[in-house]
Amino acid sequence: QRKIAEREKRAADSQRKKMEKEAQRLMEKEQNKIGVKLS
């Protein structure tokens, strides 16, 4: 039972990291767009 919880926690962590990375990438993309408009 405990092993399953550990594995699910790890899966949730890696999922969250993936989402954060993706959000970071999207934000940088948006900032690049804005930067291009400004220059």
N, C-alpha and C. Protein backbone atom coordinates (compact mmCIF):
# COMPACT_ATOMS: atom_id res chain seq x y z
N GLN A 1 0.83 -1.21 0.00
CA GLN A 1 0.00 0.00 0.00
C GLN A 1 0.87 1.26 0.00
N ARG A 2 1.86 1.24 0.86
CA ARG A 2 2.71 2.42 0.97
C ARG A 2 3.52 2.64 -0.31
N LYS A 3 3.97 1.52 -0.90
CA LYS A 3 4.75 1.64 -2.14
C LYS A 3 3.95 2.34 -3.23
N ILE A 4 2.67 1.99 -3.30
CA ILE A 4 1.81 2.59 -4.32
C ILE A 4 1.72 4.10 -4.10
N ALA A 5 1.54 4.50 -2.86
CA ALA A 5 1.44 5.92 -2.54
C ALA A 5 2.73 6.64 -2.92
N GLU A 6 3.86 6.01 -2.62
CA GLU A 6 5.16 6.61 -2.97
C GLU A 6 5.26 6.80 -4.48
N ARG A 7 4.87 5.75 -5.21
CA ARG A 7 4.99 5.82 -6.67
C ARG A 7 4.06 6.90 -7.23
N GLU A 8 2.86 6.98 -6.69
CA GLU A 8 1.92 8.00 -7.16
C GLU A 8 2.43 9.40 -6.86
N LYS A 9 3.04 9.56 -5.69
CA LYS A 9 3.59 10.86 -5.31
C LYS A 9 4.70 11.26 -6.28
N ARG A 10 5.56 10.28 -6.59
CA ARG A 10 6.65 10.56 -7.52
C ARG A 10 6.10 10.92 -8.89
N ALA A 11 5.09 10.19 -9.34
CA ALA A 11 4.48 10.46 -10.64
C ALA A 11 3.88 11.87 -10.66
N ALA A 12 3.21 12.23 -9.58
CA ALA A 12 2.60 13.56 -9.49
C ALA A 12 3.68 14.64 -9.52
N ASP A 13 4.79 14.37 -8.84
CA ASP A 13 5.90 15.34 -8.81
C ASP A 13 6.46 15.55 -10.20
N SER A 14 6.74 14.45 -10.91
CA SER A 14 7.32 14.59 -12.24
C SER A 14 6.33 15.25 -13.19
N GLN A 15 5.05 14.94 -13.01
CA GLN A 15 4.01 15.58 -13.84
C GLN A 15 4.01 17.09 -13.60
N ARG A 16 4.09 17.48 -12.33
CA ARG A 16 4.08 18.90 -11.98
C ARG A 16 5.32 19.60 -12.55
N LYS A 17 6.46 18.93 -12.46
CA LYS A 17 7.69 19.51 -13.00
C LYS A 17 7.55 19.72 -14.50
N LYS A 18 6.94 18.73 -15.18
CA LYS A 18 6.77 18.83 -16.62
C LYS A 18 5.88 20.02 -16.95
N MET A 19 4.80 20.18 -16.17
CA MET A 19 3.88 21.29 -16.40
C MET A 19 4.58 22.62 -16.17
N GLU A 20 5.36 22.70 -15.10
CA GLU A 20 6.08 23.95 -14.79
C GLU A 20 7.05 24.29 -15.92
N LYS A 21 7.75 23.25 -16.42
CA LYS A 21 8.71 23.47 -17.50
C LYS A 21 7.98 24.01 -18.73
N GLU A 22 6.84 23.40 -19.04
CA GLU A 22 6.05 23.81 -20.20
C GLU A 22 5.57 25.25 -20.04
N ALA A 23 5.07 25.57 -18.84
CA ALA A 23 4.59 26.94 -18.58
C ALA A 23 5.74 27.93 -18.74
N GLN A 24 6.90 27.55 -18.22
CA GLN A 24 8.08 28.41 -18.33
C GLN A 24 8.40 28.68 -19.80
N ARG A 25 8.35 27.60 -20.61
CA ARG A 25 8.68 27.73 -22.02
C ARG A 25 7.68 28.65 -22.72
N LEU A 26 6.39 28.48 -22.40
CA LEU A 26 5.37 29.32 -23.02
C LEU A 26 5.57 30.78 -22.65
N MET A 27 5.88 31.03 -21.38
CA MET A 27 6.10 32.40 -20.93
C MET A 27 7.26 33.04 -21.69
N GLU A 28 8.34 32.28 -21.85
CA GLU A 28 9.51 32.82 -22.56
C GLU A 28 9.14 33.13 -24.00
N LYS A 29 8.33 32.26 -24.60
CA LYS A 29 7.88 32.46 -25.97
C LYS A 29 7.11 33.77 -26.07
N GLU A 30 6.18 33.98 -25.13
CA GLU A 30 5.38 35.21 -25.11
C GLU A 30 6.28 36.43 -24.93
N GLN A 31 7.23 36.34 -24.02
CA GLN A 31 8.13 37.46 -23.77
C GLN A 31 8.95 37.77 -25.02
N ASN A 32 9.35 36.72 -25.75
CA ASN A 32 10.10 36.94 -26.98
C ASN A 32 9.24 37.69 -27.99
N LYS A 33 7.98 37.30 -28.09
CA LYS A 33 7.06 37.99 -29.00
C LYS A 33 6.96 39.46 -28.64
N ILE A 34 6.77 39.74 -27.35
CA ILE A 34 6.66 41.12 -26.88
C ILE A 34 7.96 41.87 -27.15
N GLY A 35 9.08 41.22 -26.89
CA GLY A 35 10.39 41.84 -27.11
C GLY A 35 10.59 42.20 -28.57
N VAL A 36 10.14 41.34 -29.46
CA VAL A 36 10.28 41.61 -30.90
C VAL A 36 9.44 42.82 -31.27
N LYS A 37 8.23 42.91 -30.70
CA LYS A 37 7.36 44.05 -30.99
C LYS A 37 7.99 45.35 -30.52
N LEU A 38 8.64 45.32 -29.35
CA LEU A 38 9.21 46.54 -28.77
C LEU A 38 10.41 47.03 -29.58
N SER A 39 11.24 46.13 -30.05
CA SER A 39 12.47 46.56 -30.72
C SER A 39 12.21 47.02 -32.15
